Amino acid sequence: MNQVRSRSRQRMKAAGLIVLTAAAVSALSGCSWTGGNSAGTAEPSVKPSPAAVQNQSPAAQQTAVPHTEAPAASAQATESPAQAAFLDPAKLQSVFGFADETGSHLLVTSQEEGREEQLKPLNTAIGNGGQVLTVKFEKWQAGSDNSNGRELANNIANLPGYLYTIENGAAEPDETYYMADSAIFPPDALLKVQPSSAENQPLAAGDPVRKSISAVKQREIQSAWKLADLSPERELYLVQFVRQDKDMLFSLVLREDGKLSFKDYPAVIQNDEYSVWRVDDGGEVSPQMFSLLFTAQTADGLLLGLNWWGAEGVNSFFLSQTGNALKELDIQYSRYTSPM
């Protein structure tokens, strides 16, 4: 990410409520991530060392992978009919909610009181791998003094925010959902998401995709995993590269028609080697930390909505494909969920 990913968030008021601001929660952030601004939590700003900066040419950043290198065991995405609709990311608002314990309500905590007219048109919630729910604006709730400050399903009744009722189906309890107007975010723009069936097993050292990623980045891979199949014929990978002195790097990699597109997250280790990208991450990433809200088709490529879980909370953010690049949008959300 091009700027510091996480933003600082104020802790609970004395009354026990969280004041959510446009800045994100510093507690969610790590201490040395140099890569950008995603998911709404603030990281201390440090300069990456030269080894952390990607020095290869633009052609090396997005290099075509020969079709002959496709992994023989790779799951095949389901073919889909011609795309019925396209999403325009420029029209999207940064509004997210999360589900209560019954899956019947969603609470939006990131918006201040007095924005009813802007939020009432939001009639759709999208998340949990592309699940689409019809929702109806209910009310602003003030919260209560009984709040423990955690943005979790079991504390929704005590948090201030905008409450929505789910009118069809049920949300996955405690999951984050993106809130949208169906006239702006047409459900037909969504693509099928199939989580990896490899049970989070890393790619073998000789896997052709892993070898291709290593060749493009000119860097040895520590571990790599396929996160999901994205129809049609696209795959999303998580890759952590071998540490070089104090320089750390992991990437989200989209593979489409044999081409690789990267979103890099470099970091430079500071005094605390146990908090690199996020607090208490141990300098490691894993597939359990990441999940997809949805995948949608735009006129330029894919839009990926993702969650990134850490020790103290979850960050939600969007990556937009433009040509062979993945760019983070200024649409992001943070939930403070630190264990009591």
C-alpha atoms as a PDB file:
ATOM      1  CA  MET A   1       0.000   0.000   0.000  1.00  0.00           C
ATOM      2  CA  ASN A   2       1.308   3.393  -1.014  1.00  0.00           C
ATOM      3  CA  GLN A   3       0.848   5.028   2.330  1.00  0.00           C
ATOM      4  CA  VAL A   4       0.784   3.769   5.862  1.00  0.00           C
ATOM      5  CA  ARG A   5      -2.023   1.242   5.929  1.00  0.00           C
ATOM      6  CA  SER A   6      -3.502   1.592   9.363  1.00  0.00           C
ATOM      7  CA  ARG A   7      -4.892   4.679  10.979  1.00  0.00           C
ATOM      8  CA  SER A   8      -5.182   5.486  14.670  1.00  0.00           C
ATOM      9  CA  ARG A   9      -8.460   5.089  16.492  1.00  0.00           C
ATOM     10  CA  GLN A  10      -9.394   6.482  19.870  1.00  0.00           C
ATOM     11  CA  ARG A  11     -10.073   3.985  22.617  1.00  0.00           C
ATOM     12  CA  MET A  12     -13.347   3.801  24.481  1.00  0.00           C
ATOM     13  CA  LYS A  13     -14.888   6.853  26.106  1.00  0.00           C
ATOM     14  CA  ALA A  14     -15.086   6.751  29.873  1.00  0.00           C
ATOM     15  CA  ALA A  15     -18.690   5.772  29.422  1.00  0.00           C
ATOM     16  CA  GLY A  16     -17.562   2.646  27.683  1.00  0.00           C
ATOM     17  CA  LEU A  17     -18.378   3.616  24.092  1.00  0.00           C
ATOM     18  CA  ILE A  18     -16.013   3.710  21.144  1.00  0.00           C
ATOM     19  CA  VAL A  19     -15.630   6.955  19.302  1.00  0.00           C
ATOM     20  CA  LEU A  20     -15.098   5.982  15.687  1.00  0.00           C
ATOM     21  CA  THR A  21     -13.242   8.532  13.652  1.00  0.00           C
ATOM     22  CA  ALA A  22     -12.049   8.762  10.090  1.00  0.00           C
ATOM     23  CA  ALA A  23      -8.647   7.739  11.357  1.00  0.00           C
ATOM     24  CA  ALA A  24      -8.294   4.042  12.076  1.00  0.00           C
ATOM     25  CA  VAL A  25      -7.286   2.104  15.124  1.00  0.00           C
ATOM     26  CA  SER A  26      -3.632   2.321  15.973  1.00  0.00           C
ATOM     27  CA  ALA A  27      -4.001  -0.745  18.157  1.00  0.00           C
ATOM     28  CA  LEU A  28      -4.715  -2.855  15.098  1.00  0.00           C
ATOM     29  CA  SER A  29      -1.534  -1.775  13.412  1.00  0.00           C
ATOM     30  CA  GLY A  30       1.933  -3.218  13.380  1.00  0.00           C
ATOM     31  CA  CYS A  31       5.061  -1.267  14.043  1.00  0.00           C
ATOM     32  CA  SER A  32       7.064  -1.420  10.849  1.00  0.00           C
ATOM     33  CA  TRP A  33       4.842  -1.805   7.806  1.00  0.00           C
ATOM     34  CA  THR A  34       5.950   0.623   5.094  1.00  0.00           C
ATOM     35  CA  GLY A  35       3.472  -0.232   2.440  1.00  0.00           C
ATOM     36  CA  GLY A  36       0.411   1.990   2.679  1.00  0.00           C
ATOM     37  CA  ASN A  37      -2.965   3.027   3.988  1.00  0.00           C
ATOM     38  CA  SER A  38      -5.268   0.081   3.675  1.00  0.00           C
ATOM     39  CA  ALA A  39      -7.880  -1.236   6.026  1.00  0.00           C
ATOM     40  CA  GLY A  40      -7.983   1.827   8.116  1.00  0.00           C
ATOM     41  CA  THR A  41      -5.412   1.276  10.840  1.00  0.00           C
ATOM     42  CA  ALA A  42      -2.464   3.566  11.361  1.00  0.00           C
ATOM     43  CA  GLU A  43       1.074   2.269  11.273  1.00  0.00           C
ATOM     44  CA  PRO A  44       4.076   4.369  12.318  1.00  0.00           C
ATOM     45  CA  SER A  45       5.648   5.893   9.226  1.00  0.00           C
ATOM     46  CA  VAL A  46       9.082   4.555   8.417  1.00  0.00           C
ATOM     47  CA  LYS A  47      11.148   4.602   5.276  1.00  0.00           C
ATOM     48  CA  PRO A  48      11.649   1.253   3.545  1.00  0.00           C
ATOM     49  CA  SER A  49      15.183   0.166   2.966  1.00  0.00           C
ATOM     50  CA  PRO A  50      16.249  -0.239  -0.655  1.00  0.00           C
ATOM     51  CA  ALA A  51      15.811  -3.995  -0.423  1.00  0.00           C
ATOM     52  CA  ALA A  52      12.175  -3.550   0.522  1.00  0.00           C
ATOM     53  CA  VAL A  53      11.434  -1.375  -2.479  1.00  0.00           C
ATOM     54  CA  GLN A  54      10.616  -3.246  -5.640  1.00  0.00           C
ATOM     55  CA  ASN A  55      13.395  -2.448  -8.103  1.00  0.00           C
ATOM     56  CA  GLN A  56      12.266  -4.405 -11.090  1.00  0.00           C
ATOM     57  CA  SER A  57      10.864  -2.740 -14.172  1.00  0.00           C
ATOM     58  CA  PRO A  58       7.114  -2.374 -14.754  1.00  0.00           C
ATOM     59  CA  ALA A  59       7.346  -5.288 -17.122  1.00  0.00           C
ATOM     60  CA  ALA A  60       8.766  -7.414 -14.341  1.00  0.00           C
ATOM     61  CA  GLN A  61       6.041  -6.294 -11.931  1.00  0.00           C
ATOM     62  CA  GLN A  62       3.345  -7.781 -14.146  1.00  0.00           C
ATOM     63  CA  THR A  63       4.871 -10.522 -16.212  1.00  0.00           C
ATOM     64  CA  ALA A  64       2.951 -12.948 -18.330  1.00  0.00           C
ATOM     65  CA  VAL A  65       3.222 -16.499 -17.072  1.00  0.00           C
ATOM     66  CA  PRO A  66       3.294 -19.012 -19.913  1.00  0.00           C
ATOM     67  CA  HIS A  67       0.154 -21.110 -20.025  1.00  0.00           C
ATOM     68  CA  THR A  68       2.325 -24.193 -19.851  1.00  0.00           C
ATOM     69  CA  GLU A  69       3.167 -23.230 -16.281  1.00  0.00           C
ATOM     70  CA  ALA A  70      -0.380 -23.574 -14.993  1.00  0.00           C
ATOM     71  CA  PRO A  71      -0.405 -25.982 -12.026  1.00  0.00           C
ATOM     72  CA  ALA A  72      -1.742 -29.367 -13.007  1.00  0.00           C
ATOM     73  CA  ALA A  73      -3.687 -29.701  -9.751  1.00  0.00           C
ATOM     74  CA  SER A  74      -5.157 -26.205  -9.831  1.00  0.00           C
ATOM     75  CA  ALA A  75      -8.907 -26.066  -9.302  1.00  0.00           C
ATOM     76  CA  GLN A  76     -10.769 -24.940 -12.421  1.00  0.00           C
ATOM     77  CA  ALA A  77     -13.066 -21.960 -12.034  1.00  0.00           C
ATOM     78  CA  THR A  78     -16.626 -22.427 -13.211  1.00  0.00           C
ATOM     79  CA  GLU A  79     -17.301 -20.863 -16.585  1.00  0.00           C
ATOM     80  CA  SER A  80     -19.830 -18.040 -16.341  1.00  0.00           C
ATOM     81  CA  PRO A  81     -22.041 -16.429 -18.986  1.00  0.00           C
ATOM     82  CA  ALA A  82     -21.268 -13.024 -20.447  1.00  0.00           C
ATOM     83  CA  GLN A  83     -21.047 -10.427 -17.714  1.00  0.00           C
ATOM     84  CA  ALA A  84     -24.483  -8.880 -17.152  1.00  0.00           C
ATOM     85  CA  ALA A  85     -23.332  -5.724 -15.384  1.00  0.00           C
ATOM     86  CA  PHE A  86     -20.255  -3.735 -14.474  1.00  0.00           C
ATOM     87  CA  LEU A  87     -19.485  -1.918 -11.253  1.00  0.00           C
ATOM     88  CA  ASP A  88     -18.161   1.651 -11.220  1.00  0.00           C
ATOM     89  CA  PRO A  89     -15.826   1.903  -8.180  1.00  0.00           C
ATOM     90  CA  ALA A  90     -15.830   5.711  -8.377  1.00  0.00           C
ATOM     91  CA  LYS A  91     -19.478   5.761  -7.285  1.00  0.00           C
ATOM     92  CA  LEU A  92     -18.998   3.663  -4.141  1.00  0.00           C
ATOM     93  CA  GLN A  93     -19.185   4.993  -0.587  1.00  0.00           C
ATOM     94  CA  SER A  94     -17.050   3.758   2.293  1.00  0.00           C
ATOM     95  CA  VAL A  95     -19.811   2.221   4.417  1.00  0.00           C
ATOM     96  CA  PHE A  96     -19.504  -1.132   6.173  1.00  0.00           C
ATOM     97  CA  GLY A  97     -21.503  -2.944   8.819  1.00  0.00           C
ATOM     98  CA  PHE A  98     -21.273  -6.173  10.761  1.00  0.00           C
ATOM     99  CA  ALA A  99     -23.866  -8.748  11.737  1.00  0.00           C
ATOM    100  CA  ASP A 100     -25.387  -9.459  15.123  1.00  0.00           C
ATOM    101  CA  GLU A 101     -25.523 -12.881  16.764  1.00  0.00           C
ATOM    102  CA  THR A 102     -28.809 -13.817  15.073  1.00  0.00           C
ATOM    103  CA  GLY A 103     -27.808 -12.702  11.581  1.00  0.00           C
ATOM    104  CA  SER A 104     -30.974 -10.574  11.401  1.00  0.00           C
ATOM    105  CA  HIS A 105     -29.416  -7.115  11.793  1.00  0.00           C
ATOM    106  CA  LEU A 106     -26.333  -5.191  10.707  1.00  0.00           C
ATOM    107  CA  LEU A 107     -24.798  -2.238  12.530  1.00  0.00           C
ATOM    108  CA  VAL A 108     -22.848   0.533  10.780  1.00  0.00           C
ATOM    109  CA  THR A 109     -20.473   2.055  13.333  1.00  0.00           C
ATOM    110  CA  SER A 110     -18.217   4.134  11.115  1.00  0.00           C
ATOM    111  CA  GLN A 111     -20.704   6.928  10.362  1.00  0.00           C
ATOM    112  CA  GLU A 112     -21.589   9.803  12.656  1.00  0.00           C
ATOM    113  CA  GLU A 113     -25.102  10.614  13.776  1.00  0.00           C
ATOM    114  CA  GLY A 114     -26.997  12.913  11.412  1.00  0.00           C
ATOM    115  CA  ARG A 115     -26.283  11.073   8.138  1.00  0.00           C
ATOM    116  CA  GLU A 116     -29.661   9.373   7.868  1.00  0.00           C
ATOM    117  CA  GLU A 117     -30.476  10.816   4.451  1.00  0.00           C
ATOM    118  CA  GLN A 118     -27.203   9.526   2.986  1.00  0.00           C
ATOM    119  CA  LEU A 119     -27.574   6.072   4.531  1.00  0.00           C
ATOM    120  CA  LYS A 120     -31.272   5.349   3.989  1.00  0.00           C
ATOM    121  CA  PRO A 121     -30.809   4.499   0.265  1.00  0.00           C
ATOM    122  CA  LEU A 122     -28.413   1.674   1.143  1.00  0.00           C
ATOM    123  CA  ASN A 123     -30.544  -1.413   0.542  1.00  0.00           C
ATOM    124  CA  THR A 124     -27.958  -4.129  -0.067  1.00  0.00           C
ATOM    125  CA  ALA A 125     -25.297  -5.809   2.074  1.00  0.00           C
ATOM    126  CA  ILE A 126     -22.545  -7.786   0.341  1.00  0.00           C
ATOM    127  CA  GLY A 127     -19.952  -9.956   2.054  1.00  0.00           C
ATOM    128  CA  ASN A 128     -19.040 -13.444   3.230  1.00  0.00           C
ATOM    129  CA  GLY A 129     -17.621 -14.403  -0.178  1.00  0.00           C
ATOM    130  CA  GLY A 130     -20.260 -12.649  -2.272  1.00  0.00           C
ATOM    131  CA  GLN A 131     -23.438 -13.232  -0.249  1.00  0.00           C
ATOM    132  CA  VAL A 132     -26.069 -10.632  -1.176  1.00  0.00           C
ATOM    133  CA  LEU A 133     -28.662  -9.547   1.384  1.00  0.00           C
ATOM    134  CA  THR A 134     -31.550  -7.108   1.022  1.00  0.00           C
ATOM    135  CA  VAL A 135     -31.544  -4.714   3.961  1.00  0.00           C
ATOM    136  CA  LYS A 136     -33.705  -1.854   5.218  1.00  0.00           C
ATOM    137  CA  PHE A 137     -32.575   1.164   7.199  1.00  0.00           C
ATOM    138  CA  GLU A 138     -34.092   1.020  10.674  1.00  0.00           C
ATOM    139  CA  LYS A 139     -32.691   3.722  12.963  1.00  0.00           C
ATOM    140  CA  TRP A 140     -29.785   5.377  14.681  1.00  0.00           C
ATOM    141  CA  GLN A 141     -29.088   3.763  18.034  1.00  0.00           C
ATOM    142  CA  ALA A 142     -27.252   5.681  20.717  1.00  0.00           C
ATOM    143  CA  GLY A 143     -25.576   2.727  22.407  1.00  0.00           C
ATOM    144  CA  SER A 144     -25.302   2.288  26.141  1.00  0.00           C
ATOM    145  CA  ASP A 145     -22.932   2.524  29.080  1.00  0.00           C
ATOM    146  CA  ASN A 146     -22.725  -1.285  29.085  1.00  0.00           C
ATOM    147  CA  SER A 147     -20.461  -1.350  26.034  1.00  0.00           C
ATOM    148  CA  ASN A 148     -17.131  -3.125  26.380  1.00  0.00           C
ATOM    149  CA  GLY A 149     -15.807  -1.188  23.384  1.00  0.00           C
ATOM    150  CA  ARG A 150     -15.496  -4.234  21.143  1.00  0.00           C
ATOM    151  CA  GLU A 151     -17.128  -4.157  17.736  1.00  0.00           C
ATOM    152  CA  LEU A 152     -18.459  -7.666  18.007  1.00  0.00           C
ATOM    153  CA  ALA A 153     -21.847  -9.282  17.518  1.00  0.00           C
ATOM    154  CA  ASN A 154     -22.421  -9.782  21.225  1.00  0.00           C
ATOM    155  CA  ASN A 155     -21.909  -6.061  21.875  1.00  0.00           C
ATOM    156  CA  ILE A 156     -24.017  -4.602  19.052  1.00  0.00           C
ATOM    157  CA  ALA A 157     -26.884  -3.555  21.333  1.00  0.00           C
ATOM    158  CA  ASN A 158     -24.467  -1.374  23.304  1.00  0.00           C
ATOM    159  CA  LEU A 159     -22.678   0.367  20.419  1.00  0.00           C
ATOM    160  CA  PRO A 160     -23.701   3.624  18.741  1.00  0.00           C
ATOM    161  CA  GLY A 161     -24.417   3.322  15.035  1.00  0.00           C
ATOM    162  CA  TYR A 162     -26.980   2.879  12.297  1.00  0.00           C
ATOM    163  CA  LEU A 163     -29.051  -0.283  12.527  1.00  0.00           C
ATOM    164  CA  TYR A 164     -30.305  -2.142   9.442  1.00  0.00           C
ATOM    165  CA  THR A 165     -32.798  -5.013   9.323  1.00  0.00           C
ATOM    166  CA  ILE A 166     -32.088  -7.920   6.973  1.00  0.00           C
ATOM    167  CA  GLU A 167     -35.205  -8.581   4.922  1.00  0.00           C
ATOM    168  CA  ASN A 168     -34.216 -11.803   3.176  1.00  0.00           C
ATOM    169  CA  GLY A 169     -32.014 -14.640   4.328  1.00  0.00           C
ATOM    170  CA  ALA A 170     -29.564 -14.237   7.181  1.00  0.00           C
ATOM    171  CA  ALA A 171     -26.118 -12.751   7.575  1.00  0.00           C
ATOM    172  CA  GLU A 172     -23.227 -14.759   8.950  1.00  0.00           C
ATOM    173  CA  PRO A 173     -22.976 -13.664  12.606  1.00  0.00           C
ATOM    174  CA  ASP A 174     -20.116 -11.244  13.303  1.00  0.00           C
ATOM    175  CA  GLU A 175     -19.106 -11.038   9.629  1.00  0.00           C
ATOM    176  CA  THR A 176     -18.354  -7.700   7.970  1.00  0.00           C
ATOM    177  CA  TYR A 177     -20.572  -6.618   5.052  1.00  0.00           C
ATOM    178  CA  TYR A 178     -20.238  -3.801   2.550  1.00  0.00           C
ATOM    179  CA  MET A 179     -23.346  -1.584   2.481  1.00  0.00           C
ATOM    180  CA  ALA A 180     -24.501  -0.391  -0.943  1.00  0.00           C
ATOM    181  CA  ASP A 181     -27.328   0.958  -3.040  1.00  0.00           C
ATOM    182  CA  SER A 182     -28.273  -1.755  -5.546  1.00  0.00           C
ATOM    183  CA  ALA A 183     -28.730   0.921  -8.210  1.00  0.00           C
ATOM    184  CA  ILE A 184     -25.029   1.772  -7.855  1.00  0.00           C
ATOM    185  CA  PHE A 185     -23.688  -1.689  -6.991  1.00  0.00           C
ATOM    186  CA  PRO A 186     -25.653  -4.070  -9.250  1.00  0.00           C
ATOM    187  CA  PRO A 187     -25.554  -7.615  -7.831  1.00  0.00           C
ATOM    188  CA  ASP A 188     -25.139  -8.916 -11.395  1.00  0.00           C
ATOM    189  CA  ALA A 189     -21.615  -7.463 -11.360  1.00  0.00           C
ATOM    190  CA  LEU A 190     -20.561 -10.010  -8.736  1.00  0.00           C
ATOM    191  CA  LEU A 191     -18.494 -13.039  -9.719  1.00  0.00           C
ATOM    192  CA  LYS A 192     -18.449 -16.428  -8.095  1.00  0.00           C
ATOM    193  CA  VAL A 193     -15.904 -16.910  -5.314  1.00  0.00           C
ATOM    194  CA  GLN A 194     -14.717 -20.416  -4.501  1.00  0.00           C
ATOM    195  CA  PRO A 195     -12.425 -20.569  -1.447  1.00  0.00           C
ATOM    196  CA  SER A 196      -9.420 -22.798  -1.908  1.00  0.00           C
ATOM    197  CA  SER A 197     -10.151 -26.465  -1.268  1.00  0.00           C
ATOM    198  CA  ALA A 198      -6.512 -27.110  -0.344  1.00  0.00           C
ATOM    199  CA  GLU A 199      -7.291 -26.605   3.381  1.00  0.00           C
ATOM    200  CA  ASN A 200      -4.719 -23.836   3.623  1.00  0.00           C
ATOM    201  CA  GLN A 201      -1.877 -26.109   2.542  1.00  0.00           C
ATOM    202  CA  PRO A 202       1.071 -24.144   1.113  1.00  0.00           C
ATOM    203  CA  LEU A 203       2.060 -24.587  -2.501  1.00  0.00           C
ATOM    204  CA  ALA A 204       4.843 -27.112  -2.972  1.00  0.00           C
ATOM    205  CA  ALA A 205       8.310 -25.739  -3.676  1.00  0.00           C
ATOM    206  CA  GLY A 206       8.110 -27.046  -7.236  1.00  0.00           C
ATOM    207  CA  ASP A 207       4.652 -25.660  -7.968  1.00  0.00           C
ATOM    208  CA  PRO A 208       4.796 -23.795 -11.322  1.00  0.00           C
ATOM    209  CA  VAL A 209       2.816 -20.797 -10.037  1.00  0.00           C
ATOM    210  CA  ARG A 210       5.078 -20.457  -7.021  1.00  0.00           C
ATOM    211  CA  LYS A 211       8.161 -20.653  -9.252  1.00  0.00           C
ATOM    212  CA  SER A 212       6.734 -18.050 -11.617  1.00  0.00           C
ATOM    213  CA  ILE A 213       5.996 -15.610  -8.768  1.00  0.00           C
ATOM    214  CA  SER A 214       9.503 -16.052  -7.391  1.00  0.00           C
ATOM    215  CA  ALA A 215      11.001 -15.407 -10.834  1.00  0.00           C
ATOM    216  CA  VAL A 216       9.000 -12.216 -11.344  1.00  0.00           C
ATOM    217  CA  LYS A 217       9.941 -10.785  -7.938  1.00  0.00           C
ATOM    218  CA  GLN A 218      13.477 -12.170  -8.085  1.00  0.00           C
ATOM    219  CA  ARG A 219      13.112 -13.191  -4.485  1.00  0.00           C
ATOM    220  CA  GLU A 220      12.937 -16.517  -2.670  1.00  0.00           C
ATOM    221  CA  ILE A 221       9.521 -17.510  -1.339  1.00  0.00           C
ATOM    222  CA  GLN A 222       9.041 -18.607   2.260  1.00  0.00           C
ATOM    223  CA  SER A 223       5.425 -19.771   1.847  1.00  0.00           C
ATOM    224  CA  ALA A 224       2.634 -19.369  -0.698  1.00  0.00           C
ATOM    225  CA  TRP A 225      -1.043 -20.299  -0.606  1.00  0.00           C
ATOM    226  CA  LYS A 226      -3.991 -20.126  -2.959  1.00  0.00           C
ATOM    227  CA  LEU A 227      -6.750 -18.161  -1.229  1.00  0.00           C
ATOM    228  CA  ALA A 228      -9.543 -18.611  -3.768  1.00  0.00           C
ATOM    229  CA  ASP A 229     -10.645 -19.352  -7.310  1.00  0.00           C
ATOM    230  CA  LEU A 230     -12.350 -16.361  -8.887  1.00  0.00           C
ATOM    231  CA  SER A 231     -14.467 -17.176 -11.905  1.00  0.00           C
ATOM    232  CA  PRO A 232     -13.792 -17.140 -14.718  1.00  0.00           C
ATOM    233  CA  GLU A 233     -10.272 -18.594 -14.726  1.00  0.00           C
ATOM    234  CA  ARG A 234      -8.711 -16.357 -12.098  1.00  0.00           C
ATOM    235  CA  GLU A 235      -6.949 -17.241  -8.863  1.00  0.00           C
ATOM    236  CA  LEU A 236      -5.881 -15.233  -5.835  1.00  0.00           C
ATOM    237  CA  TYR A 237      -2.696 -16.105  -3.926  1.00  0.00           C
ATOM    238  CA  LEU A 238      -1.019 -15.006  -0.707  1.00  0.00           C
ATOM    239  CA  VAL A 239       2.782 -15.101  -0.806  1.00  0.00           C
ATOM    240  CA  GLN A 240       5.336 -14.390   1.920  1.00  0.00           C
ATOM    241  CA  PHE A 241       8.915 -13.936   0.750  1.00  0.00           C
ATOM    242  CA  VAL A 242      12.072 -14.860   2.602  1.00  0.00           C
ATOM    243  CA  ARG A 243      13.382 -12.156   4.917  1.00  0.00           C
ATOM    244  CA  GLN A 244      16.343 -10.160   3.614  1.00  0.00           C
ATOM    245  CA  ASP A 245      18.170  -8.716   6.609  1.00  0.00           C
ATOM    246  CA  LYS A 246      15.466  -6.441   8.097  1.00  0.00           C
ATOM    247  CA  ASP A 247      13.381  -6.275   4.929  1.00  0.00           C
ATOM    248  CA  MET A 248      10.115  -8.185   4.900  1.00  0.00           C
ATOM    249  CA  LEU A 249       7.613  -8.615   2.071  1.00  0.00           C
ATOM    250  CA  PHE A 250       4.346 -10.336   1.388  1.00  0.00           C
ATOM    251  CA  SER A 251       2.074  -9.939  -1.618  1.00  0.00           C
ATOM    252  CA  LEU A 252      -1.452 -10.612  -2.739  1.00  0.00           C
ATOM    253  CA  VAL A 253      -1.173 -11.984  -6.260  1.00  0.00           C
ATOM    254  CA  LEU A 254      -3.913 -12.243  -8.871  1.00  0.00           C
ATOM    255  CA  ARG A 255      -3.322 -14.798 -11.615  1.00  0.00           C
ATOM    256  CA  GLU A 256      -5.461 -14.322 -14.719  1.00  0.00           C
ATOM    257  CA  ASP A 257      -4.952 -15.978 -18.089  1.00  0.00           C
ATOM    258  CA  GLY A 258      -1.360 -16.767 -17.123  1.00  0.00           C
ATOM    259  CA  LYS A 259      -0.580 -13.170 -16.062  1.00  0.00           C
ATOM    260  CA  LEU A 260       0.412 -12.121 -12.560  1.00  0.00           C
ATOM    261  CA  SER A 261      -0.630  -8.861 -10.864  1.00  0.00           C
ATOM    262  CA  PHE A 262       0.776  -7.896  -7.473  1.00  0.00           C
ATOM    263  CA  LYS A 263      -0.193  -5.848  -4.471  1.00  0.00           C
ATOM    264  CA  ASP A 264       2.966  -5.687  -2.328  1.00  0.00           C
ATOM    265  CA  TYR A 265       3.237  -5.092   1.406  1.00  0.00           C
ATOM    266  CA  PRO A 266       6.889  -4.365   2.265  1.00  0.00           C
ATOM    267  CA  ALA A 267       8.011  -3.760   5.852  1.00  0.00           C
ATOM    268  CA  VAL A 268      11.242  -2.993   7.642  1.00  0.00           C
ATOM    269  CA  ILE A 269      11.731  -4.641  11.021  1.00  0.00           C
ATOM    270  CA  GLN A 270      12.208  -2.154  13.833  1.00  0.00           C
ATOM    271  CA  ASN A 271      12.908  -2.907  17.492  1.00  0.00           C
ATOM    272  CA  ASP A 272       9.925  -5.224  17.859  1.00  0.00           C
ATOM    273  CA  GLU A 273      10.363  -8.179  15.535  1.00  0.00           C
ATOM    274  CA  TYR A 274       7.104  -9.669  16.805  1.00  0.00           C
ATOM    275  CA  SER A 275       4.960  -6.884  15.329  1.00  0.00           C
ATOM    276  CA  VAL A 276       5.841  -6.325  11.667  1.00  0.00           C
ATOM    277  CA  TRP A 277       2.695  -5.683   9.614  1.00  0.00           C
ATOM    278  CA  ARG A 278       0.206  -5.925  12.480  1.00  0.00           C
ATOM    279  CA  VAL A 279       0.402  -6.015  16.263  1.00  0.00           C
ATOM    280  CA  ASP A 280       1.612  -9.430  17.461  1.00  0.00           C
ATOM    281  CA  ASP A 281       1.740 -10.960  13.974  1.00  0.00           C
ATOM    282  CA  GLY A 282       5.085 -12.609  14.712  1.00  0.00           C
ATOM    283  CA  GLY A 283       6.394 -11.429  11.353  1.00  0.00           C
ATOM    284  CA  GLU A 284       4.200 -13.996   9.616  1.00  0.00           C
ATOM    285  CA  VAL A 285       1.128 -13.968   7.402  1.00  0.00           C
ATOM    286  CA  SER A 286      -1.196 -16.915   6.878  1.00  0.00           C
ATOM    287  CA  PRO A 287      -4.282 -17.693   4.780  1.00  0.00           C
ATOM    288  CA  GLN A 288      -6.396 -17.692   7.946  1.00  0.00           C
ATOM    289  CA  MET A 289      -5.811 -13.927   8.193  1.00  0.00           C
ATOM    290  CA  PHE A 290      -7.515 -13.168   4.858  1.00  0.00           C
ATOM    291  CA  SER A 291     -10.988 -13.666   3.451  1.00  0.00           C
ATOM    292  CA  LEU A 292     -12.968 -12.247   0.544  1.00  0.00           C
ATOM    293  CA  LEU A 293     -16.000 -10.030   0.973  1.00  0.00           C
ATOM    294  CA  PHE A 294     -16.712 -10.308  -2.755  1.00  0.00           C
ATOM    295  CA  THR A 295     -15.291 -10.136  -6.260  1.00  0.00           C
ATOM    296  CA  ALA A 296     -16.969  -7.884  -8.823  1.00  0.00           C
ATOM    297  CA  GLN A 297     -16.391  -7.020 -12.469  1.00  0.00           C
ATOM    298  CA  THR A 298     -15.619  -3.440 -13.481  1.00  0.00           C
ATOM    299  CA  ALA A 299     -14.992  -2.005 -16.933  1.00  0.00           C
ATOM    300  CA  ASP A 300     -11.245  -2.125 -16.220  1.00  0.00           C
ATOM    301  CA  GLY A 301     -10.969  -5.478 -14.432  1.00  0.00           C
ATOM    302  CA  LEU A 302     -11.765  -6.925 -11.044  1.00  0.00           C
ATOM    303  CA  LEU A 303     -12.659  -5.239  -7.782  1.00  0.00           C
ATOM    304  CA  LEU A 304     -11.720  -7.330  -4.752  1.00  0.00           C
ATOM    305  CA  GLY A 305     -13.188  -6.711  -1.314  1.00  0.00           C
ATOM    306  CA  LEU A 306     -11.014  -8.311   1.385  1.00  0.00           C
ATOM    307  CA  ASN A 307     -10.768  -8.749   5.145  1.00  0.00           C
ATOM    308  CA  TRP A 308      -7.436  -8.897   6.963  1.00  0.00           C
ATOM    309  CA  TRP A 309      -7.659 -10.223  10.519  1.00  0.00           C
ATOM    310  CA  GLY A 310      -5.082  -9.373  13.166  1.00  0.00           C
ATOM    311  CA  ALA A 311      -4.660  -9.950  16.877  1.00  0.00           C
ATOM    312  CA  GLU A 312      -6.728  -6.895  17.799  1.00  0.00           C
ATOM    313  CA  GLY A 313      -9.186  -6.512  14.965  1.00  0.00           C
ATOM    314  CA  VAL A 314     -10.144  -6.839  11.328  1.00  0.00           C
ATOM    315  CA  ASN A 315      -9.430  -4.428   8.469  1.00  0.00           C
ATOM    316  CA  SER A 316     -11.613  -4.404   5.335  1.00  0.00           C
ATOM    317  CA  PHE A 317     -10.371  -2.853   2.085  1.00  0.00           C
ATOM    318  CA  PHE A 318     -10.788  -2.844  -1.691  1.00  0.00           C
ATOM    319  CA  LEU A 319      -8.249  -3.661  -4.399  1.00  0.00           C
ATOM    320  CA  SER A 320      -8.992  -2.523  -7.942  1.00  0.00           C
ATOM    321  CA  GLN A 321      -7.470  -4.099 -11.034  1.00  0.00           C
ATOM    322  CA  THR A 322      -6.415  -1.619 -13.678  1.00  0.00           C
ATOM    323  CA  GLY A 323      -4.536  -3.234 -16.517  1.00  0.00           C
ATOM    324  CA  ASN A 324      -2.046  -5.519 -14.795  1.00  0.00           C
ATOM    325  CA  ALA A 325      -1.901  -3.554 -11.539  1.00  0.00           C
ATOM    326  CA  LEU A 326      -3.756  -3.919  -8.243  1.00  0.00           C
ATOM    327  CA  LYS A 327      -4.449  -0.600  -6.572  1.00  0.00           C
ATOM    328  CA  GLU A 328      -5.918   0.001  -3.167  1.00  0.00           C
ATOM    329  CA  LEU A 329      -8.953   2.275  -3.066  1.00  0.00           C
ATOM    330  CA  ASP A 330      -9.766   4.729  -0.325  1.00  0.00           C
ATOM    331  CA  ILE A 331     -12.657   2.513   0.765  1.00  0.00           C
ATOM    332  CA  GLN A 332     -11.781   0.854   4.028  1.00  0.00           C
ATOM    333  CA  TYR A 333     -13.023  -0.033   7.480  1.00  0.00           C
ATOM    334  CA  SER A 334     -11.593  -1.195  10.811  1.00  0.00           C
ATOM    335  CA  ARG A 335     -13.228  -3.074  13.648  1.00  0.00           C
ATOM    336  CA  TYR A 336     -11.636  -3.256  17.076  1.00  0.00           C
ATOM    337  CA  THR A 337     -12.223  -6.785  18.373  1.00  0.00           C
ATOM    338  CA  SER A 338      -9.343  -7.321  20.812  1.00  0.00           C
ATOM    339  CA  PRO A 339     -10.033 -10.148  23.257  1.00  0.00           C
ATOM    340  CA  MET A 340     -11.002  -9.045  26.731  1.00  0.00           C
END
